[in-house]
Amino acid sequence: MAATNNARRQDNNPNTPTVAPPAKQAVPAAKTVDTQSVLKRLQSELMALMMGGDPGISAFPEEDNIFCWKGTIHGSKETVFEGTEYKLSLSFPSDYPFKAPKVKFETGCFHPNVDTFGNICLDILQDKWSSAYDVRTILLSIQSLLGEPNISSPLNTQAASLWSNQEVQEDGDEIIQAKFLGNFLLGFGV
C-alpha cells in the first residue's frame, strides 16, 4: 500500500498520486491600536466635548487615568427626567475606538433600559458600535434614551411597564415623574 507524506512518493511507483500539503490559510490580523493613538483620540474628544457646549452633558477623565472618565447627564426638558442629574462612568478599552467603552450609571436611574446595577441597554454601546462614534455621541444618545426608551428591549421590566402605562394615562408629566422617582426611591431603600 502506498503512503504519502508531504507530497513525496514512498513506494517509487510513478502511478501513485502525490498529495500536496494543506494550504496555509491567512489568519486575519486583529486590529491593534497603539496607546499613543488612543491617547490622542481621547484628548481630541475631550477638547471637542468641552468646546461643543452641548447642554446637559459633560465628561472628564479621572485624575491619573485618561481611560476612565466620569460623565454627567441632565434629563432633557419636557420629559419625566427633566430636572434630574445622573453620574456615569466611562471606561475605554485599549483598542478604542474599534471597541465601545463600558458606560454605566453611577447614580440610580429608574428607567426601562437601565438595570439596577447601572448597565445600559443601548445599541451603539453594543452591536451597533462604530469607530466614528465619540464621547459626545454616547452622552447625547444616553440623554435621548432617557426621554425615549426602547420598550422592546427593557433591562428593567417594572420601569418598562410603568412607561407603557404612562402612554395611555392622562395623569400629566408631574404624576408620572413622581411615580418614576417614587419607584426609584423605593427600589433603593430611600
C-alpha atoms as a PDB file:
ATOM      1  CA  MET A   1       0.000   0.000   0.000  1.00  0.00           C
ATOM      2  CA  ALA A   2       1.315   3.378  -0.918  1.00  0.00           C
ATOM      3  CA  ALA A   3       1.539   6.145   1.683  1.00  0.00           C
ATOM      4  CA  THR A   4       2.284   9.738   1.001  1.00  0.00           C
ATOM      5  CA  ASN A   5       3.980  12.264   3.226  1.00  0.00           C
ATOM      6  CA  ASN A   6       4.353  15.930   2.333  1.00  0.00           C
ATOM      7  CA  ALA A   7       3.981  15.304  -1.398  1.00  0.00           C
ATOM      8  CA  ARG A   8       6.787  12.677  -1.540  1.00  0.00           C
ATOM      9  CA  ARG A   9       6.278   9.200  -3.032  1.00  0.00           C
ATOM     10  CA  GLN A  10       7.082   6.459  -0.590  1.00  0.00           C
ATOM     11  CA  ASP A  11       6.760   3.468  -2.930  1.00  0.00           C
ATOM     12  CA  ASN A  12       8.668   4.719  -6.012  1.00  0.00           C
ATOM     13  CA  ASN A  13       5.654   3.866  -8.170  1.00  0.00           C
ATOM     14  CA  PRO A  14       5.177   6.588 -10.783  1.00  0.00           C
ATOM     15  CA  ASN A  15       1.411   5.863 -10.862  1.00  0.00           C
ATOM     16  CA  THR A  16       0.914   6.676  -7.165  1.00  0.00           C
ATOM     17  CA  PRO A  17      -0.546  10.170  -6.857  1.00  0.00           C
ATOM     18  CA  THR A  18       1.249  12.720  -4.788  1.00  0.00           C
ATOM     19  CA  VAL A  19      -0.588  14.617  -2.101  1.00  0.00           C
ATOM     20  CA  ALA A  20       0.175  18.275  -1.625  1.00  0.00           C
ATOM     21  CA  PRO A  21       0.371  19.601   1.923  1.00  0.00           C
ATOM     22  CA  PRO A  22      -2.677  21.526   3.071  1.00  0.00           C
ATOM     23  CA  ALA A  23      -2.575  25.171   2.078  1.00  0.00           C
ATOM     24  CA  LYS A  24      -1.881  27.557   4.893  1.00  0.00           C
ATOM     25  CA  GLN A  25      -4.783  29.922   5.348  1.00  0.00           C
ATOM     26  CA  ALA A  26      -4.104  33.501   6.163  1.00  0.00           C
ATOM     27  CA  VAL A  27      -5.330  34.471   9.598  1.00  0.00           C
ATOM     28  CA  PRO A  28      -6.813  37.952   9.604  1.00  0.00           C
ATOM     29  CA  ALA A  29      -4.779  40.282  11.743  1.00  0.00           C
ATOM     30  CA  ALA A  30      -6.546  41.648  14.788  1.00  0.00           C
ATOM     31  CA  LYS A  31      -6.918  45.393  14.824  1.00  0.00           C
ATOM     32  CA  THR A  32      -4.205  46.693  17.034  1.00  0.00           C
ATOM     33  CA  VAL A  33      -4.138  50.241  18.201  1.00  0.00           C
ATOM     34  CA  ASP A  34      -1.074  51.787  19.698  1.00  0.00           C
ATOM     35  CA  THR A  35      -1.575  53.525  23.011  1.00  0.00           C
ATOM     36  CA  GLN A  36      -0.421  56.883  21.672  1.00  0.00           C
ATOM     37  CA  SER A  37      -3.160  56.986  19.034  1.00  0.00           C
ATOM     38  CA  VAL A  38      -5.792  56.098  21.652  1.00  0.00           C
ATOM     39  CA  LEU A  39      -4.485  58.854  23.934  1.00  0.00           C
ATOM     40  CA  LYS A  40      -4.592  61.374  21.081  1.00  0.00           C
ATOM     41  CA  ARG A  41      -8.122  60.315  20.183  1.00  0.00           C
ATOM     42  CA  LEU A  42      -9.362  60.642  23.782  1.00  0.00           C
ATOM     43  CA  GLN A  43      -7.666  64.030  24.205  1.00  0.00           C
ATOM     44  CA  SER A  44      -9.236  65.212  20.962  1.00  0.00           C
ATOM     45  CA  GLU A  45     -12.673  64.003  22.089  1.00  0.00           C
ATOM     46  CA  LEU A  46     -12.261  65.772  25.425  1.00  0.00           C
ATOM     47  CA  MET A  47     -11.459  69.056  23.679  1.00  0.00           C
ATOM     48  CA  ALA A  48     -14.392  68.661  21.278  1.00  0.00           C
ATOM     49  CA  LEU A  49     -16.737  67.919  24.170  1.00  0.00           C
ATOM     50  CA  MET A  50     -15.522  70.919  26.160  1.00  0.00           C
ATOM     51  CA  MET A  51     -15.750  73.263  23.165  1.00  0.00           C
ATOM     52  CA  GLY A  52     -19.055  71.864  21.882  1.00  0.00           C
ATOM     53  CA  GLY A  53     -21.244  73.437  24.515  1.00  0.00           C
ATOM     54  CA  ASP A  54     -23.967  70.796  24.339  1.00  0.00           C
ATOM     55  CA  PRO A  55     -26.461  71.483  27.135  1.00  0.00           C
ATOM     56  CA  GLY A  56     -26.879  68.855  29.800  1.00  0.00           C
ATOM     57  CA  ILE A  57     -23.832  66.681  29.103  1.00  0.00           C
ATOM     58  CA  SER A  58     -20.253  66.729  30.327  1.00  0.00           C
ATOM     59  CA  ALA A  59     -17.411  64.292  30.938  1.00  0.00           C
ATOM     60  CA  PHE A  60     -13.815  64.453  32.111  1.00  0.00           C
ATOM     61  CA  PRO A  61     -11.053  61.917  32.659  1.00  0.00           C
ATOM     62  CA  GLU A  62     -10.267  60.847  36.188  1.00  0.00           C
ATOM     63  CA  GLU A  63      -7.156  62.431  37.675  1.00  0.00           C
ATOM     64  CA  ASP A  64      -4.487  59.944  36.627  1.00  0.00           C
ATOM     65  CA  ASN A  65      -6.212  57.788  34.018  1.00  0.00           C
ATOM     66  CA  ILE A  66      -7.432  59.082  30.673  1.00  0.00           C
ATOM     67  CA  PHE A  67      -9.022  55.669  30.032  1.00  0.00           C
ATOM     68  CA  CYS A  68     -11.535  56.211  32.891  1.00  0.00           C
ATOM     69  CA  TRP A  69     -13.932  59.151  32.693  1.00  0.00           C
ATOM     70  CA  LYS A  70     -16.750  60.487  34.836  1.00  0.00           C
ATOM     71  CA  GLY A  71     -19.717  61.928  32.998  1.00  0.00           C
ATOM     72  CA  THR A  72     -22.855  63.848  33.876  1.00  0.00           C
ATOM     73  CA  ILE A  73     -26.170  63.885  32.053  1.00  0.00           C
ATOM     74  CA  HIS A  74     -29.149  66.097  32.843  1.00  0.00           C
ATOM     75  CA  GLY A  75     -32.621  64.903  31.921  1.00  0.00           C
ATOM     76  CA  SER A  76     -33.941  66.621  28.811  1.00  0.00           C
ATOM     77  CA  LYS A  77     -36.604  69.297  29.041  1.00  0.00           C
ATOM     78  CA  GLU A  78     -40.214  68.245  28.648  1.00  0.00           C
ATOM     79  CA  THR A  79     -39.503  64.650  29.706  1.00  0.00           C
ATOM     80  CA  VAL A  80     -40.200  62.917  33.013  1.00  0.00           C
ATOM     81  CA  PHE A  81     -36.459  63.188  33.652  1.00  0.00           C
ATOM     82  CA  GLU A  82     -36.349  66.987  33.382  1.00  0.00           C
ATOM     83  CA  GLY A  83     -34.515  68.398  36.383  1.00  0.00           C
ATOM     84  CA  THR A  84     -32.640  65.179  37.168  1.00  0.00           C
ATOM     85  CA  GLU A  85     -28.874  64.719  37.048  1.00  0.00           C
ATOM     86  CA  TYR A  86     -27.100  61.412  36.551  1.00  0.00           C
ATOM     87  CA  LYS A  87     -23.468  60.481  37.043  1.00  0.00           C
ATOM     88  CA  LEU A  88     -21.889  57.997  34.647  1.00  0.00           C
ATOM     89  CA  SER A  89     -18.636  56.099  34.447  1.00  0.00           C
ATOM     90  CA  LEU A  90     -16.961  55.538  31.089  1.00  0.00           C
ATOM     91  CA  SER A  91     -14.170  53.005  30.772  1.00  0.00           C
ATOM     92  CA  PHE A  92     -12.299  52.939  27.465  1.00  0.00           C
ATOM     93  CA  PRO A  93     -10.655  49.723  26.233  1.00  0.00           C
ATOM     94  CA  SER A  94      -7.091  49.703  24.934  1.00  0.00           C
ATOM     95  CA  ASP A  95      -8.401  49.140  21.396  1.00  0.00           C
ATOM     96  CA  TYR A  96     -10.730  52.163  21.457  1.00  0.00           C
ATOM     97  CA  PRO A  97     -12.282  53.375  19.148  1.00  0.00           C
ATOM     98  CA  PHE A  98     -12.577  49.968  17.487  1.00  0.00           C
ATOM     99  CA  LYS A  99     -14.336  48.669  20.578  1.00  0.00           C
ATOM    100  CA  ALA A 100     -17.035  50.521  22.524  1.00  0.00           C
ATOM    101  CA  PRO A 101     -16.347  51.868  26.003  1.00  0.00           C
ATOM    102  CA  LYS A 102     -18.162  50.416  29.006  1.00  0.00           C
ATOM    103  CA  VAL A 103     -20.654  53.001  30.234  1.00  0.00           C
ATOM    104  CA  LYS A 104     -22.674  52.689  33.441  1.00  0.00           C
ATOM    105  CA  PHE A 105     -24.911  54.875  35.544  1.00  0.00           C
ATOM    106  CA  GLU A 106     -23.211  55.556  38.871  1.00  0.00           C
ATOM    107  CA  THR A 107     -26.319  57.182  40.335  1.00  0.00           C
ATOM    108  CA  GLY A 108     -29.519  55.178  40.375  1.00  0.00           C
ATOM    109  CA  CYS A 109     -31.699  55.559  37.317  1.00  0.00           C
ATOM    110  CA  PHE A 110     -35.169  54.026  37.259  1.00  0.00           C
ATOM    111  CA  HIS A 111     -35.526  53.541  33.509  1.00  0.00           C
ATOM    112  CA  PRO A 112     -36.661  50.758  31.156  1.00  0.00           C
ATOM    113  CA  ASN A 113     -33.200  50.458  29.560  1.00  0.00           C
ATOM    114  CA  VAL A 114     -31.106  50.665  32.738  1.00  0.00           C
ATOM    115  CA  ASP A 115     -30.817  47.795  35.205  1.00  0.00           C
ATOM    116  CA  THR A 116     -30.328  48.084  38.958  1.00  0.00           C
ATOM    117  CA  PHE A 117     -26.547  47.829  38.506  1.00  0.00           C
ATOM    118  CA  GLY A 118     -26.438  50.830  36.175  1.00  0.00           C
ATOM    119  CA  ASN A 119     -25.874  48.814  32.985  1.00  0.00           C
ATOM    120  CA  ILE A 120     -27.359  50.449  29.912  1.00  0.00           C
ATOM    121  CA  CYS A 121     -29.096  48.723  27.021  1.00  0.00           C
ATOM    122  CA  LEU A 122     -28.187  50.965  24.101  1.00  0.00           C
ATOM    123  CA  ASP A 123     -27.347  49.537  20.686  1.00  0.00           C
ATOM    124  CA  ILE A 124     -24.447  51.909  19.977  1.00  0.00           C
ATOM    125  CA  LEU A 125     -22.696  50.603  23.088  1.00  0.00           C
ATOM    126  CA  GLN A 126     -23.082  47.044  21.829  1.00  0.00           C
ATOM    127  CA  ASP A 127     -23.594  45.576  18.357  1.00  0.00           C
ATOM    128  CA  LYS A 128     -24.130  48.913  16.576  1.00  0.00           C
ATOM    129  CA  TRP A 129     -20.865  50.457  17.795  1.00  0.00           C
ATOM    130  CA  SER A 130     -18.806  52.296  15.183  1.00  0.00           C
ATOM    131  CA  SER A 131     -15.366  53.834  15.495  1.00  0.00           C
ATOM    132  CA  ALA A 132     -16.962  57.019  14.130  1.00  0.00           C
ATOM    133  CA  TYR A 133     -18.794  57.496  17.446  1.00  0.00           C
ATOM    134  CA  ASP A 134     -17.254  59.573  20.197  1.00  0.00           C
ATOM    135  CA  VAL A 135     -17.926  60.515  23.825  1.00  0.00           C
ATOM    136  CA  ARG A 136     -20.242  63.329  22.784  1.00  0.00           C
ATOM    137  CA  THR A 137     -22.331  60.950  20.665  1.00  0.00           C
ATOM    138  CA  ILE A 138     -22.525  58.458  23.535  1.00  0.00           C
ATOM    139  CA  LEU A 139     -23.652  61.052  26.080  1.00  0.00           C
ATOM    140  CA  LEU A 140     -26.206  62.624  23.751  1.00  0.00           C
ATOM    141  CA  SER A 141     -27.568  59.170  22.883  1.00  0.00           C
ATOM    142  CA  ILE A 142     -27.974  58.269  26.554  1.00  0.00           C
ATOM    143  CA  GLN A 143     -29.600  61.633  27.245  1.00  0.00           C
ATOM    144  CA  SER A 144     -32.021  60.990  24.379  1.00  0.00           C
ATOM    145  CA  LEU A 145     -32.676  57.443  25.609  1.00  0.00           C
ATOM    146  CA  LEU A 146     -33.843  58.845  28.946  1.00  0.00           C
ATOM    147  CA  GLY A 147     -36.839  60.529  27.343  1.00  0.00           C
ATOM    148  CA  GLU A 148     -37.371  57.969  24.588  1.00  0.00           C
ATOM    149  CA  PRO A 149     -36.712  54.486  25.962  1.00  0.00           C
ATOM    150  CA  ASN A 150     -36.653  51.373  23.819  1.00  0.00           C
ATOM    151  CA  ILE A 151     -39.541  49.462  25.406  1.00  0.00           C
ATOM    152  CA  SER A 152     -38.965  46.453  23.129  1.00  0.00           C
ATOM    153  CA  SER A 153     -35.590  45.819  24.795  1.00  0.00           C
ATOM    154  CA  PRO A 154     -36.022  46.550  28.519  1.00  0.00           C
ATOM    155  CA  LEU A 155     -33.473  45.759  31.205  1.00  0.00           C
ATOM    156  CA  ASN A 156     -35.912  46.920  33.875  1.00  0.00           C
ATOM    157  CA  THR A 157     -39.336  45.386  33.218  1.00  0.00           C
ATOM    158  CA  GLN A 158     -41.005  47.280  36.066  1.00  0.00           C
ATOM    159  CA  ALA A 159     -39.914  50.618  34.615  1.00  0.00           C
ATOM    160  CA  ALA A 160     -40.934  49.446  31.130  1.00  0.00           C
ATOM    161  CA  SER A 161     -44.401  48.547  32.406  1.00  0.00           C
ATOM    162  CA  LEU A 162     -44.809  51.950  34.057  1.00  0.00           C
ATOM    163  CA  TRP A 163     -43.569  53.682  30.931  1.00  0.00           C
ATOM    164  CA  SER A 164     -46.011  51.760  28.735  1.00  0.00           C
ATOM    165  CA  ASN A 165     -48.897  52.613  31.071  1.00  0.00           C
ATOM    166  CA  GLN A 166     -47.888  56.279  31.037  1.00  0.00           C
ATOM    167  CA  GLU A 167     -48.604  56.476  27.334  1.00  0.00           C
ATOM    168  CA  VAL A 168     -52.302  55.656  27.857  1.00  0.00           C
ATOM    169  CA  GLN A 169     -52.787  57.725  31.025  1.00  0.00           C
ATOM    170  CA  GLU A 170     -53.861  61.339  31.167  1.00  0.00           C
ATOM    171  CA  ASP A 171     -52.135  61.991  34.518  1.00  0.00           C
ATOM    172  CA  GLY A 172     -49.679  64.589  33.288  1.00  0.00           C
ATOM    173  CA  ASP A 173     -45.901  64.557  33.478  1.00  0.00           C
ATOM    174  CA  GLU A 174     -45.746  65.586  37.146  1.00  0.00           C
ATOM    175  CA  ILE A 175     -47.598  62.476  38.323  1.00  0.00           C
ATOM    176  CA  ILE A 176     -45.644  60.173  36.011  1.00  0.00           C
ATOM    177  CA  GLN A 177     -42.395  61.753  37.173  1.00  0.00           C
ATOM    178  CA  ALA A 178     -43.483  61.240  40.776  1.00  0.00           C
ATOM    179  CA  LYS A 179     -44.206  57.574  40.003  1.00  0.00           C
ATOM    180  CA  PHE A 180     -40.807  57.106  38.372  1.00  0.00           C
ATOM    181  CA  LEU A 181     -38.948  58.897  41.144  1.00  0.00           C
ATOM    182  CA  GLY A 182     -41.060  57.184  43.816  1.00  0.00           C
ATOM    183  CA  ASN A 183     -40.270  53.753  42.387  1.00  0.00           C
ATOM    184  CA  PHE A 184     -36.635  54.727  42.129  1.00  0.00           C
ATOM    185  CA  LEU A 185     -36.565  55.741  45.793  1.00  0.00           C
ATOM    186  CA  LEU A 186     -38.394  52.583  46.868  1.00  0.00           C
ATOM    187  CA  GLY A 187     -36.014  50.442  44.832  1.00  0.00           C
ATOM    188  CA  PHE A 188     -33.002  51.917  46.595  1.00  0.00           C
ATOM    189  CA  GLY A 189     -34.467  51.918  50.097  1.00  0.00           C
ATOM    190  CA  VAL A 190     -34.567  55.689  50.441  1.00  0.00           C
END
